[in-house]
Each structure stands twice: as C-alpha cells, then as structure tokens.
Amino acid sequence: MKKKECLGLAMTMLIITVSSAAETFRYDPHGKRDPFIPLIGQDRPSASVAFSEIASRDDVRLEGIAMRESGMRTAIINGEIVKEGFKAGEVEVRKINKDSVVISISGKEYTVKLYEEASV
C-alpha cells in the first residue's frame, strides 16, 4: 500500500471507532442536578420547585451540610441550598445539625441523616 492509502485507511478506522464509542455512552441525569443551571444569581430557579415535589420522607435527599465559622449552617436537599426556617409548600427546614436535618412535611417532623446505613 502507498503511504496515502495507509493514512486514509487509518483515518477511516479512527472515525469509525470514535463514532461507535460516542454512540454507546449515555448520560443518565435522573436524580442529578443540571450542571448548566446556576446555583446562585438571577437565573437560579426557585428552591420551591424542588420542594414542591416532596410528598413524603422518601422524597427527601440530604446531599450535604456546610457550616460557616460563624456557626450558621446550610444544607443541600434535593439539589437546593437551604437554611433553617426555609419553607416551600408543605415542607419546612426546622433545624440543621452537623450530620442531620430536621424537616417538617405536612406538619409531621422527620430527622434525615446525612449518612444513613443501608438496611439489610
């Protein structure tokens, strides 16, 4: 084979390999925050949108807790940053502890731990 033919064949094989690899990867965004929606600023959606979908304790995902030097704590629940006292619909964030959050859903209080043991 000539040098040009080898190069053409190699390029064709590369294109086929890259295109077939791209077709097999599928990103599943279920349950994940959209990385293109800003967390702060004017374009940030209202946290009440995420909380309007909470109907029971099973709908609550505590993803993180942060504490400032001043002692003020915030939590990330269902992809939204919230403070103590936050209310949306039937959901209220009552207390943020170092490893759990106390929330009220339709008047009933629940403690959601940051690290929960899987039941066997």
PDB file of N, CA and C in Angstrom:
ATOM      1  N   MET A   1       0.827  -1.178   0.000  1.00  0.00           N
ATOM      2  CA  MET A   1       0.000   0.000   0.000  1.00  0.00           C
ATOM      3  C   MET A   1       0.872   1.242   0.000  1.00  0.00           C
ATOM      4  N   LYS A   2       0.327   2.242  -0.594  1.00  0.00           N
ATOM      5  CA  LYS A   2       1.031   3.517  -0.612  1.00  0.00           C
ATOM      6  C   LYS A   2       0.770   4.251   0.699  1.00  0.00           C
ATOM      7  N   LYS A   3       1.628   5.215   0.941  1.00  0.00           N
ATOM      8  CA  LYS A   3       1.551   5.971   2.189  1.00  0.00           C
ATOM      9  C   LYS A   3       0.208   6.691   2.335  1.00  0.00           C
ATOM     10  N   LYS A   4      -0.319   7.283   1.247  1.00  0.00           N
ATOM     11  CA  LYS A   4      -1.582   7.997   1.293  1.00  0.00           C
ATOM     12  C   LYS A   4      -2.743   7.039   1.572  1.00  0.00           C
ATOM     13  N   GLU A   5      -2.683   5.834   0.986  1.00  0.00           N
ATOM     14  CA  GLU A   5      -3.746   4.846   1.205  1.00  0.00           C
ATOM     15  C   GLU A   5      -3.758   4.384   2.655  1.00  0.00           C
ATOM     16  N   CYS A   6      -2.568   4.160   3.236  1.00  0.00           N
ATOM     17  CA  CYS A   6      -2.472   3.744   4.643  1.00  0.00           C
ATOM     18  C   CYS A   6      -3.027   4.827   5.567  1.00  0.00           C
ATOM     19  N   LEU A   7      -2.668   6.068   5.278  1.00  0.00           N
ATOM     20  CA  LEU A   7      -3.142   7.177   6.090  1.00  0.00           C
ATOM     21  C   LEU A   7      -4.662   7.299   5.982  1.00  0.00           C
ATOM     22  N   GLY A   8      -5.201   7.171   4.779  1.00  0.00           N
ATOM     23  CA  GLY A   8      -6.654   7.243   4.574  1.00  0.00           C
ATOM     24  C   GLY A   8      -7.374   6.123   5.307  1.00  0.00           C
ATOM     25  N   LEU A   9      -6.829   4.914   5.249  1.00  0.00           N
ATOM     26  CA  LEU A   9      -7.424   3.772   5.927  1.00  0.00           C
ATOM     27  C   LEU A   9      -7.391   3.966   7.447  1.00  0.00           C
ATOM     28  N   ALA A  10      -6.275   4.460   7.951  1.00  0.00           N
ATOM     29  CA  ALA A  10      -6.133   4.711   9.384  1.00  0.00           C
ATOM     30  C   ALA A  10      -7.135   5.772   9.848  1.00  0.00           C
ATOM     31  N   MET A  11      -7.316   6.836   9.090  1.00  0.00           N
ATOM     32  CA  MET A  11      -8.262   7.899   9.435  1.00  0.00           C
ATOM     33  C   MET A  11      -9.691   7.366   9.430  1.00  0.00           C
ATOM     34  N   THR A  12     -10.029   6.531   8.454  1.00  0.00           N
ATOM     35  CA  THR A  12     -11.367   5.943   8.374  1.00  0.00           C
ATOM     36  C   THR A  12     -11.636   5.066   9.589  1.00  0.00           C
ATOM     37  N   MET A  13     -10.657   4.257   9.976  1.00  0.00           N
ATOM     38  CA  MET A  13     -10.818   3.384  11.138  1.00  0.00           C
ATOM     39  C   MET A  13     -10.968   4.208  12.418  1.00  0.00           C
ATOM     40  N   LEU A  14     -10.238   5.314  12.525  1.00  0.00           N
ATOM     41  CA  LEU A  14     -10.313   6.189  13.681  1.00  0.00           C
ATOM     42  C   LEU A  14     -11.695   6.816  13.778  1.00  0.00           C
ATOM     43  N   ILE A  15     -12.227   7.295  12.679  1.00  0.00           N
ATOM     44  CA  ILE A  15     -13.552   7.913  12.659  1.00  0.00           C
ATOM     45  C   ILE A  15     -14.620   6.899  13.049  1.00  0.00           C
ATOM     46  N   ILE A  16     -14.526   5.688  12.529  1.00  0.00           N
ATOM     47  CA  ILE A  16     -15.497   4.644  12.867  1.00  0.00           C
ATOM     48  C   ILE A  16     -15.417   4.305  14.352  1.00  0.00           C
ATOM     49  N   THR A  17     -14.209   4.200  14.889  1.00  0.00           N
ATOM     50  CA  THR A  17     -14.021   3.878  16.303  1.00  0.00           C
ATOM     51  C   THR A  17     -14.582   4.983  17.190  1.00  0.00           C
ATOM     52  N   VAL A  18     -14.286   6.235  16.882  1.00  0.00           N
ATOM     53  CA  VAL A  18     -14.762   7.365  17.680  1.00  0.00           C
ATOM     54  C   VAL A  18     -16.278   7.466  17.609  1.00  0.00           C
ATOM     55  N   SER A  19     -16.857   7.318  16.428  1.00  0.00           N
ATOM     56  CA  SER A  19     -18.306   7.459  16.306  1.00  0.00           C
ATOM     57  C   SER A  19     -19.037   6.313  16.991  1.00  0.00           C
ATOM     58  N   SER A  20     -18.496   5.105  16.963  1.00  0.00           N
ATOM     59  CA  SER A  20     -19.164   3.991  17.639  1.00  0.00           C
ATOM     60  C   SER A  20     -19.041   4.120  19.153  1.00  0.00           C
ATOM     61  N   ALA A  21     -17.923   4.674  19.646  1.00  0.00           N
ATOM     62  CA  ALA A  21     -17.756   4.876  21.091  1.00  0.00           C
ATOM     63  C   ALA A  21     -18.713   5.956  21.579  1.00  0.00           C
ATOM     64  N   ALA A  22     -18.928   6.995  20.797  1.00  0.00           N
ATOM     65  CA  ALA A  22     -19.826   8.068  21.178  1.00  0.00           C
ATOM     66  C   ALA A  22     -21.270   7.585  21.228  1.00  0.00           C
ATOM     67  N   GLU A  23     -21.628   6.646  20.405  1.00  0.00           N
ATOM     68  CA  GLU A  23     -22.991   6.149  20.377  1.00  0.00           C
ATOM     69  C   GLU A  23     -23.311   5.260  21.573  1.00  0.00           C
ATOM     70  N   THR A  24     -22.332   4.621  22.178  1.00  0.00           N
ATOM     71  CA  THR A  24     -22.596   3.703  23.278  1.00  0.00           C
ATOM     72  C   THR A  24     -22.706   4.414  24.624  1.00  0.00           C
ATOM     73  N   PHE A  25     -22.144   5.598  24.799  1.00  0.00           N
ATOM     74  CA  PHE A  25     -22.216   6.311  26.067  1.00  0.00           C
ATOM     75  C   PHE A  25     -23.532   7.055  26.176  1.00  0.00           C
ATOM     76  N   ARG A  26     -24.234   6.845  27.296  1.00  0.00           N
ATOM     77  CA  ARG A  26     -25.479   7.566  27.552  1.00  0.00           C
ATOM     78  C   ARG A  26     -25.407   8.122  28.972  1.00  0.00           C
ATOM     79  N   TYR A  27     -25.604   9.401  29.119  1.00  0.00           N
ATOM     80  CA  TYR A  27     -25.619  10.053  30.429  1.00  0.00           C
ATOM     81  C   TYR A  27     -27.028   9.956  31.001  1.00  0.00           C
ATOM     82  N   ASP A  28     -27.138   9.462  32.227  1.00  0.00           N
ATOM     83  CA  ASP A  28     -28.433   9.345  32.876  1.00  0.00           C
ATOM     84  C   ASP A  28     -28.540  10.447  33.932  1.00  0.00           C
ATOM     85  N   PRO A  29     -29.294  11.521  33.665  1.00  0.00           N
ATOM     86  CA  PRO A  29     -29.377  12.634  34.605  1.00  0.00           C
ATOM     87  C   PRO A  29     -30.376  12.419  35.733  1.00  0.00           C
ATOM     88  N   HIS A  30     -31.033  11.265  35.779  1.00  0.00           N
ATOM     89  CA  HIS A  30     -32.073  11.037  36.778  1.00  0.00           C
ATOM     90  C   HIS A  30     -31.536  11.249  38.194  1.00  0.00           C
ATOM     91  N   GLY A  31     -32.177  12.144  38.914  1.00  0.00           N
ATOM     92  CA  GLY A  31     -31.795  12.394  40.297  1.00  0.00           C
ATOM     93  C   GLY A  31     -30.581  13.281  40.467  1.00  0.00           C
ATOM     94  N   LYS A  32     -30.048  13.828  39.379  1.00  0.00           N
ATOM     95  CA  LYS A  32     -28.869  14.679  39.461  1.00  0.00           C
ATOM     96  C   LYS A  32     -29.240  16.105  39.069  1.00  0.00           C
ATOM     97  N   ARG A  33     -28.518  17.053  39.639  1.00  0.00           N
ATOM     98  CA  ARG A  33     -28.730  18.451  39.322  1.00  0.00           C
ATOM     99  C   ARG A  33     -28.189  18.749  37.931  1.00  0.00           C
ATOM    100  N   ASP A  34     -28.915  19.591  37.191  1.00  0.00           N
ATOM    101  CA  ASP A  34     -28.455  20.007  35.868  1.00  0.00           C
ATOM    102  C   ASP A  34     -27.258  20.934  36.051  1.00  0.00           C
ATOM    103  N   PRO A  35     -26.062  20.575  35.565  1.00  0.00           N
ATOM    104  CA  PRO A  35     -24.868  21.394  35.805  1.00  0.00           C
ATOM    105  C   PRO A  35     -24.893  22.738  35.084  1.00  0.00           C
ATOM    106  N   PHE A  36     -25.829  22.941  34.184  1.00  0.00           N
ATOM    107  CA  PHE A  36     -25.890  24.192  33.432  1.00  0.00           C
ATOM    108  C   PHE A  36     -26.842  25.211  34.065  1.00  0.00           C
ATOM    109  N   ILE A  37     -27.532  24.825  35.138  1.00  0.00           N
ATOM    110  CA  ILE A  37     -28.390  25.759  35.856  1.00  0.00           C
ATOM    111  C   ILE A  37     -27.583  26.311  37.015  1.00  0.00           C
ATOM    112  N   PRO A  38     -27.407  27.639  37.095  1.00  0.00           N
ATOM    113  CA  PRO A  38     -26.568  28.218  38.146  1.00  0.00           C
ATOM    114  C   PRO A  38     -27.171  28.009  39.532  1.00  0.00           C
ATOM    115  N   LEU A  39     -26.303  27.854  40.537  1.00  0.00           N
ATOM    116  CA  LEU A  39     -26.756  27.690  41.918  1.00  0.00           C
ATOM    117  C   LEU A  39     -27.098  29.030  42.559  1.00  0.00           C
ATOM    118  N   ILE A  40     -26.488  30.115  42.076  1.00  0.00           N
ATOM    119  CA  ILE A  40     -26.755  31.441  42.620  1.00  0.00           C
ATOM    120  C   ILE A  40     -26.990  32.406  41.469  1.00  0.00           C
ATOM    121  N   GLY A  41     -27.574  33.557  41.785  1.00  0.00           N
ATOM    122  CA  GLY A  41     -27.781  34.582  40.770  1.00  0.00           C
ATOM    123  C   GLY A  41     -29.225  34.679  40.337  1.00  0.00           C
ATOM    124  N   GLN A  42     -29.485  35.573  39.410  1.00  0.00           N
ATOM    125  CA  GLN A  42     -30.843  35.845  38.972  1.00  0.00           C
ATOM    126  C   GLN A  42     -31.449  34.702  38.162  1.00  0.00           C
ATOM    127  N   ASP A  43     -30.616  33.951  37.448  1.00  0.00           N
ATOM    128  CA  ASP A  43     -31.132  32.869  36.611  1.00  0.00           C
ATOM    129  C   ASP A  43     -31.402  31.594  37.403  1.00  0.00           C
ATOM    130  N   ARG A  44     -31.082  31.602  38.688  1.00  0.00           N
ATOM    131  CA  ARG A  44     -31.262  30.419  39.532  1.00  0.00           C
ATOM    132  C   ARG A  44     -32.755  30.179  39.738  1.00  0.00           C
ATOM    133  N   PRO A  45     -33.227  28.950  39.523  1.00  0.00           N
ATOM    134  CA  PRO A  45     -34.643  28.673  39.734  1.00  0.00           C
ATOM    135  C   PRO A  45     -34.988  28.679  41.217  1.00  0.00           C
ATOM    136  N   SER A  46     -36.228  28.886  41.532  1.00  0.00           N
ATOM    137  CA  SER A  46     -36.679  28.908  42.912  1.00  0.00           C
ATOM    138  C   SER A  46     -36.533  27.533  43.547  1.00  0.00           C
ATOM    139  N   ALA A  47     -36.082  27.515  44.802  1.00  0.00           N
ATOM    140  CA  ALA A  47     -35.939  26.241  45.504  1.00  0.00           C
ATOM    141  C   ALA A  47     -37.288  25.592  45.728  1.00  0.00           C
ATOM    142  N   SER A  48     -38.352  26.379  45.700  1.00  0.00           N
ATOM    143  CA  SER A  48     -39.671  25.812  45.932  1.00  0.00           C
ATOM    144  C   SER A  48     -40.062  24.817  44.840  1.00  0.00           C
ATOM    145  N   VAL A  49     -39.430  24.899  43.670  1.00  0.00           N
ATOM    146  CA  VAL A  49     -39.712  23.938  42.597  1.00  0.00           C
ATOM    147  C   VAL A  49     -39.288  22.546  43.036  1.00  0.00           C
ATOM    148  N   ALA A  50     -38.081  22.408  43.598  1.00  0.00           N
ATOM    149  CA  ALA A  50     -37.597  21.106  44.060  1.00  0.00           C
ATOM    150  C   ALA A  50     -38.409  20.618  45.252  1.00  0.00           C
ATOM    151  N   PHE A  51     -38.794  21.531  46.125  1.00  0.00           N
ATOM    152  CA  PHE A  51     -39.531  21.144  47.324  1.00  0.00           C
ATOM    153  C   PHE A  51     -40.998  20.869  47.042  1.00  0.00           C
ATOM    154  N   SER A  52     -41.527  21.386  45.962  1.00  0.00           N
ATOM    155  CA  SER A  52     -42.936  21.122  45.648  1.00  0.00           C
ATOM    156  C   SER A  52     -43.153  19.652  45.295  1.00  0.00           C
ATOM    157  N   GLU A  53     -42.087  18.949  44.933  1.00  0.00           N
ATOM    158  CA  GLU A  53     -42.186  17.537  44.583  1.00  0.00           C
ATOM    159  C   GLU A  53     -42.081  16.625  45.811  1.00  0.00           C
ATOM    160  N   ILE A  54     -41.780  17.183  46.991  1.00  0.00           N
ATOM    161  CA  ILE A  54     -41.653  16.379  48.205  1.00  0.00           C
ATOM    162  C   ILE A  54     -43.033  16.134  48.791  1.00  0.00           C
ATOM    163  N   ALA A  55     -43.421  14.867  48.852  1.00  0.00           N
ATOM    164  CA  ALA A  55     -44.710  14.493  49.431  1.00  0.00           C
ATOM    165  C   ALA A  55     -44.533  13.626  50.672  1.00  0.00           C
ATOM    166  N   SER A  56     -43.367  12.989  50.814  1.00  0.00           N
ATOM    167  CA  SER A  56     -43.110  12.126  51.966  1.00  0.00           C
ATOM    168  C   SER A  56     -41.619  12.137  52.285  1.00  0.00           C
ATOM    169  N   ARG A  57     -41.251  11.502  53.379  1.00  0.00           N
ATOM    170  CA  ARG A  57     -39.851  11.411  53.808  1.00  0.00           C
ATOM    171  C   ARG A  57     -38.989  10.743  52.737  1.00  0.00           C
ATOM    172  N   ASP A  58     -39.561   9.793  52.000  1.00  0.00           N
ATOM    173  CA  ASP A  58     -38.818   9.078  50.963  1.00  0.00           C
ATOM    174  C   ASP A  58     -38.394   9.969  49.802  1.00  0.00           C
ATOM    175  N   ASP A  59     -39.035  11.128  49.644  1.00  0.00           N
ATOM    176  CA  ASP A  59     -38.706  12.051  48.552  1.00  0.00           C
ATOM    177  C   ASP A  59     -37.562  12.996  48.904  1.00  0.00           C
ATOM    178  N   VAL A  60     -37.068  12.931  50.144  1.00  0.00           N
ATOM    179  CA  VAL A  60     -36.030  13.860  50.622  1.00  0.00           C
ATOM    180  C   VAL A  60     -34.657  13.230  50.468  1.00  0.00           C
ATOM    181  N   ARG A  61     -33.747  13.952  49.755  1.00  0.00           N
ATOM    182  CA  ARG A  61     -32.354  13.531  49.582  1.00  0.00           C
ATOM    183  C   ARG A  61     -31.454  14.585  50.220  1.00  0.00           C
ATOM    184  N   LEU A  62     -30.877  14.276  51.381  1.00  0.00           N
ATOM    185  CA  LEU A  62     -29.929  15.178  52.020  1.00  0.00           C
ATOM    186  C   LEU A  62     -28.562  14.905  51.420  1.00  0.00           C
ATOM    187  N   GLU A  63     -28.031  15.881  50.669  1.00  0.00           N
ATOM    188  CA  GLU A  63     -26.799  15.683  49.910  1.00  0.00           C
ATOM    189  C   GLU A  63     -25.575  16.294  50.575  1.00  0.00           C
ATOM    190  N   GLY A  64     -25.776  17.232  51.485  1.00  0.00           N
ATOM    191  CA  GLY A  64     -24.620  17.843  52.136  1.00  0.00           C
ATOM    192  C   GLY A  64     -25.025  18.858  53.178  1.00  0.00           C
ATOM    193  N   ILE A  65     -24.105  19.130  54.096  1.00  0.00           N
ATOM    194  CA  ILE A  65     -24.294  20.142  55.130  1.00  0.00           C
ATOM    195  C   ILE A  65     -23.008  20.952  55.204  1.00  0.00           C
ATOM    196  N   ALA A  66     -23.134  22.278  55.240  1.00  0.00           N
ATOM    197  CA  ALA A  66     -21.965  23.156  55.343  1.00  0.00           C
ATOM    198  C   ALA A  66     -22.162  24.093  56.527  1.00  0.00           C
ATOM    199  N   MET A  67     -21.046  24.422  57.211  1.00  0.00           N
ATOM    200  CA  MET A  67     -21.119  25.324  58.350  1.00  0.00           C
ATOM    201  C   MET A  67     -20.062  26.413  58.209  1.00  0.00           C
ATOM    202  N   ARG A  68     -20.478  27.639  58.398  1.00  0.00           N
ATOM    203  CA  ARG A  68     -19.546  28.764  58.366  1.00  0.00           C
ATOM    204  C   ARG A  68     -18.860  28.903  59.716  1.00  0.00           C
ATOM    205  N   GLU A  69     -17.809  29.708  59.759  1.00  0.00           N
ATOM    206  CA  GLU A  69     -17.102  29.959  61.014  1.00  0.00           C
ATOM    207  C   GLU A  69     -18.031  30.576  62.048  1.00  0.00           C
ATOM    208  N   SER A  70     -19.025  31.324  61.587  1.00  0.00           N
ATOM    209  CA  SER A  70     -19.983  31.965  62.497  1.00  0.00           C
ATOM    210  C   SER A  70     -20.932  30.959  63.136  1.00  0.00           C
ATOM    211  N   GLY A  71     -20.953  29.729  62.609  1.00  0.00           N
ATOM    212  CA  GLY A  71     -21.844  28.705  63.146  1.00  0.00           C
ATOM    213  C   GLY A  71     -23.099  28.503  62.311  1.00  0.00           C
ATOM    214  N   MET A  72     -23.357  29.418  61.376  1.00  0.00           N
ATOM    215  CA  MET A  72     -24.536  29.278  60.524  1.00  0.00           C
ATOM    216  C   MET A  72     -24.384  28.066  59.612  1.00  0.00           C
ATOM    217  N   ARG A  73     -25.424  27.258  59.536  1.00  0.00           N
ATOM    218  CA  ARG A  73     -25.388  26.047  58.712  1.00  0.00           C
ATOM    219  C   ARG A  73     -26.365  26.158  57.555  1.00  0.00           C
ATOM    220  N   THR A  74     -25.972  25.537  56.447  1.00  0.00           N
ATOM    221  CA  THR A  74     -26.855  25.386  55.293  1.00  0.00           C
ATOM    222  C   THR A  74     -26.827  23.920  54.886  1.00  0.00           C
ATOM    223  N   ALA A  75     -27.878  23.502  54.208  1.00  0.00           N
ATOM    224  CA  ALA A  75     -27.958  22.112  53.761  1.00  0.00           C
ATOM    225  C   ALA A  75     -28.294  22.078  52.280  1.00  0.00           C
ATOM    226  N   ILE A  76     -27.890  21.012  51.640  1.00  0.00           N
ATOM    227  CA  ILE A  76     -28.277  20.781  50.255  1.00  0.00           C
ATOM    228  C   ILE A  76     -29.274  19.634  50.274  1.00  0.00           C
ATOM    229  N   ILE A  77     -30.514  19.967  49.954  1.00  0.00           N
ATOM    230  CA  ILE A  77     -31.591  18.982  49.944  1.00  0.00           C
ATOM    231  C   ILE A  77     -32.186  18.963  48.546  1.00  0.00           C
ATOM    232  N   ASN A  78     -32.191  17.786  47.935  1.00  0.00           N
ATOM    233  CA  ASN A  78     -32.719  17.615  46.574  1.00  0.00           C
ATOM    234  C   ASN A  78     -32.100  18.617  45.596  1.00  0.00           C
ATOM    235  N   GLY A  79     -30.804  18.884  45.766  1.00  0.00           N
ATOM    236  CA  GLY A  79     -30.081  19.753  44.847  1.00  0.00           C
ATOM    237  C   GLY A  79     -30.238  21.236  45.116  1.00  0.00           C
ATOM    238  N   GLU A  80     -30.919  21.611  46.185  1.00  0.00           N
ATOM    239  CA  GLU A  80     -31.148  23.019  46.512  1.00  0.00           C
ATOM    240  C   GLU A  80     -30.464  23.383  47.819  1.00  0.00           C
ATOM    241  N   ILE A  81     -29.868  24.577  47.883  1.00  0.00           N
ATOM    242  CA  ILE A  81     -29.215  25.070  49.090  1.00  0.00           C
ATOM    243  C   ILE A  81     -30.268  25.773  49.931  1.00  0.00           C
ATOM    244  N   VAL A  82     -30.434  25.309  51.190  1.00  0.00           N
ATOM    245  CA  VAL A  82     -31.465  25.866  52.067  1.00  0.00           C
ATOM    246  C   VAL A  82     -30.893  26.176  53.444  1.00  0.00           C
ATOM    247  N   LYS A  83     -31.578  27.078  54.179  1.00  0.00           N
ATOM    248  CA  LYS A  83     -31.205  27.448  55.539  1.00  0.00           C
ATOM    249  C   LYS A  83     -32.317  27.012  56.483  1.00  0.00           C
ATOM    250  N   GLU A  84     -32.016  27.065  57.780  1.00  0.00           N
ATOM    251  CA  GLU A  84     -33.047  26.803  58.768  1.00  0.00           C
ATOM    252  C   GLU A  84     -34.182  27.802  58.588  1.00  0.00           C
ATOM    253  N   GLY A  85     -35.402  27.321  58.710  1.00  0.00           N
ATOM    254  CA  GLY A  85     -36.562  28.189  58.562  1.00  0.00           C
ATOM    255  C   GLY A  85     -37.109  28.262  57.146  1.00  0.00           C
ATOM    256  N   PHE A  86     -36.399  27.673  56.172  1.00  0.00           N
ATOM    257  CA  PHE A  86     -36.874  27.701  54.787  1.00  0.00           C
ATOM    258  C   PHE A  86     -38.191  26.939  54.684  1.00  0.00           C
ATOM    259  N   LYS A  87     -39.161  27.530  53.990  1.00  0.00           N
ATOM    260  CA  LYS A  87     -40.461  26.898  53.781  1.00  0.00           C
ATOM    261  C   LYS A  87     -40.818  26.935  52.305  1.00  0.00           C
ATOM    262  N   ALA A  88     -41.408  25.852  51.835  1.00  0.00           N
ATOM    263  CA  ALA A  88     -41.938  25.795  50.469  1.00  0.00           C
ATOM    264  C   ALA A  88     -43.069  24.780  50.476  1.00  0.00           C
ATOM    265  N   GLY A  89     -44.254  25.258  50.229  1.00  0.00           N
ATOM    266  CA  GLY A  89     -45.404  24.360  50.240  1.00  0.00           C
ATOM    267  C   GLY A  89     -45.605  23.775  51.627  1.00  0.00           C
ATOM    268  N   GLU A  90     -45.664  22.468  51.703  1.00  0.00           N
ATOM    269  CA  GLU A  90     -45.878  21.758  52.966  1.00  0.00           C
ATOM    270  C   GLU A  90     -44.574  21.352  53.652  1.00  0.00           C
ATOM    271  N   VAL A  91     -43.441  21.825  53.140  1.00  0.00           N
ATOM    272  CA  VAL A  91     -42.135  21.420  53.659  1.00  0.00           C
ATOM    273  C   VAL A  91     -41.459  22.600  54.351  1.00  0.00           C
ATOM    274  N   GLU A  92     -40.893  22.342  55.539  1.00  0.00           N
ATOM    275  CA  GLU A  92     -40.145  23.358  56.266  1.00  0.00           C
ATOM    276  C   GLU A  92     -38.875  22.742  56.831  1.00  0.00           C
ATOM    277  N   VAL A  93     -37.755  23.467  56.681  1.00  0.00           N
ATOM    278  CA  VAL A  93     -36.487  23.034  57.271  1.00  0.00           C
ATOM    279  C   VAL A  93     -36.451  23.622  58.676  1.00  0.00           C
ATOM    280  N   ARG A  94     -36.585  22.757  59.688  1.00  0.00           N
ATOM    281  CA  ARG A  94     -36.681  23.226  61.076  1.00  0.00           C
ATOM    282  C   ARG A  94     -35.313  23.423  61.719  1.00  0.00           C
ATOM    283  N   LYS A  95     -34.419  22.443  61.555  1.00  0.00           N
ATOM    284  CA  LYS A  95     -33.110  22.504  62.230  1.00  0.00           C
ATOM    285  C   LYS A  95     -32.069  21.809  61.368  1.00  0.00           C
ATOM    286  N   ILE A  96     -30.880  22.412  61.272  1.00  0.00           N
ATOM    287  CA  ILE A  96     -29.762  21.792  60.562  1.00  0.00           C
ATOM    288  C   ILE A  96     -28.689  21.483  61.590  1.00  0.00           C
ATOM    289  N   ASN A  97     -28.433  20.205  61.813  1.00  0.00           N
ATOM    290  CA  ASN A  97     -27.388  19.748  62.735  1.00  0.00           C
ATOM    291  C   ASN A  97     -26.122  19.434  61.938  1.00  0.00           C
ATOM    292  N   LYS A  98     -25.065  19.010  62.616  1.00  0.00           N
ATOM    293  CA  LYS A  98     -23.812  18.739  61.907  1.00  0.00           C
ATOM    294  C   LYS A  98     -23.891  17.520  60.995  1.00  0.00           C
ATOM    295  N   ASP A  99     -24.793  16.572  61.284  1.00  0.00           N
ATOM    296  CA  ASP A  99     -24.900  15.379  60.439  1.00  0.00           C
ATOM    297  C   ASP A  99     -26.336  14.978  60.106  1.00  0.00           C
ATOM    298  N   SER A 100     -27.286  15.889  60.364  1.00  0.00           N
ATOM    299  CA  SER A 100     -28.687  15.590  60.052  1.00  0.00           C
ATOM    300  C   SER A 100     -29.486  16.886  59.911  1.00  0.00           C
ATOM    301  N   VAL A 101     -30.687  16.737  59.383  1.00  0.00           N
ATOM    302  CA  VAL A 101     -31.598  17.862  59.216  1.00  0.00           C
ATOM    303  C   VAL A 101     -32.969  17.431  59.725  1.00  0.00           C
ATOM    304  N   VAL A 102     -33.623  18.316  60.466  1.00  0.00           N
ATOM    305  CA  VAL A 102     -34.988  18.070  60.914  1.00  0.00           C
ATOM    306  C   VAL A 102     -35.904  18.857  59.984  1.00  0.00           C
ATOM    307  N   ILE A 103     -36.794  18.130  59.304  1.00  0.00           N
ATOM    308  CA  ILE A 103     -37.731  18.785  58.392  1.00  0.00           C
ATOM    309  C   ILE A 103     -39.153  18.438  58.797  1.00  0.00           C
ATOM    310  N   SER A 104     -40.052  19.294  58.398  1.00  0.00           N
ATOM    311  CA  SER A 104     -41.466  19.067  58.647  1.00  0.00           C
ATOM    312  C   SER A 104     -42.156  18.950  57.289  1.00  0.00           C
ATOM    313  N   ILE A 105     -42.921  17.867  57.122  1.00  0.00           N
ATOM    314  CA  ILE A 105     -43.690  17.660  55.898  1.00  0.00           C
ATOM    315  C   ILE A 105     -45.148  17.509  56.310  1.00  0.00           C
ATOM    316  N   SER A 106     -45.966  18.446  55.896  1.00  0.00           N
ATOM    317  CA  SER A 106     -47.398  18.452  56.246  1.00  0.00           C
ATOM    318  C   SER A 106     -47.601  18.355  57.753  1.00  0.00           C
ATOM    319  N   GLY A 107     -46.753  19.037  58.530  1.00  0.00           N
ATOM    320  CA  GLY A 107     -46.901  19.082  59.974  1.00  0.00           C
ATOM    321  C   GLY A 107     -46.216  17.964  60.737  1.00  0.00           C
ATOM    322  N   LYS A 108     -45.710  16.934  60.071  1.00  0.00           N
ATOM    323  CA  LYS A 108     -45.009  15.839  60.744  1.00  0.00           C
ATOM    324  C   LYS A 108     -43.510  16.058  60.632  1.00  0.00           C
ATOM    325  N   GLU A 109     -42.787  15.895  61.756  1.00  0.00           N
ATOM    326  CA  GLU A 109     -41.340  16.101  61.758  1.00  0.00           C
ATOM    327  C   GLU A 109     -40.591  14.808  61.471  1.00  0.00           C
ATOM    328  N   TYR A 110     -39.519  14.953  60.685  1.00  0.00           N
ATOM    329  CA  TYR A 110     -38.649  13.830  60.341  1.00  0.00           C
ATOM    330  C   TYR A 110     -37.202  14.275  60.501  1.00  0.00           C
ATOM    331  N   THR A 111     -36.347  13.366  60.956  1.00  0.00           N
ATOM    332  CA  THR A 111     -34.918  13.627  61.007  1.00  0.00           C
ATOM    333  C   THR A 111     -34.277  12.854  59.866  1.00  0.00           C
ATOM    334  N   VAL A 112     -33.579  13.579  58.993  1.00  0.00           N
ATOM    335  CA  VAL A 112     -32.920  12.974  57.844  1.00  0.00           C
ATOM    336  C   VAL A 112     -31.424  13.034  58.099  1.00  0.00           C
ATOM    337  N   LYS A 113     -30.798  11.882  58.168  1.00  0.00           N
ATOM    338  CA  LYS A 113     -29.361  11.826  58.437  1.00  0.00           C
ATOM    339  C   LYS A 113     -28.570  11.943  57.141  1.00  0.00           C
ATOM    340  N   LEU A 114     -27.411  12.568  57.250  1.00  0.00           N
ATOM    341  CA  LEU A 114     -26.539  12.727  56.089  1.00  0.00           C
ATOM    342  C   LEU A 114     -26.012  11.373  55.620  1.00  0.00           C
ATOM    343  N   TYR A 115     -25.621  10.541  56.569  1.00  0.00           N
ATOM    344  CA  TYR A 115     -25.120   9.213  56.244  1.00  0.00           C
ATOM    345  C   TYR A 115     -26.040   8.200  56.889  1.00  0.00           C
ATOM    346  N   GLU A 116     -26.876   7.571  56.092  1.00  0.00           N
ATOM    347  CA  GLU A 116     -27.781   6.566  56.617  1.00  0.00           C
ATOM    348  C   GLU A 116     -27.275   5.188  56.263  1.00  0.00           C
ATOM    349  N   GLU A 117     -27.371   4.273  57.194  1.00  0.00           N
ATOM    350  CA  GLU A 117     -26.940   2.894  56.963  1.00  0.00           C
ATOM    351  C   GLU A 117     -27.974   2.197  56.094  1.00  0.00           C
ATOM    352  N   ALA A 118     -27.498   1.416  55.150  1.00  0.00           N
ATOM    353  CA  ALA A 118     -28.407   0.663  54.289  1.00  0.00           C
ATOM    354  C   ALA A 118     -29.024  -0.467  55.092  1.00  0.00           C
ATOM    355  N   SER A 119     -30.326  -0.661  54.922  1.00  0.00           N
ATOM    356  CA  SER A 119     -30.983  -1.752  55.631  1.00  0.00           C
ATOM    357  C   SER A 119     -30.746  -3.059  54.890  1.00  0.00           C
ATOM    358  N   VAL A 120     -30.504  -4.121  55.648  1.00  0.00           N
ATOM    359  CA  VAL A 120     -30.184  -5.413  55.060  1.00  0.00           C
ATOM    360  C   VAL A 120     -31.402  -6.292  55.092  1.00  0.00           C
TER     361      VAL A 120
END
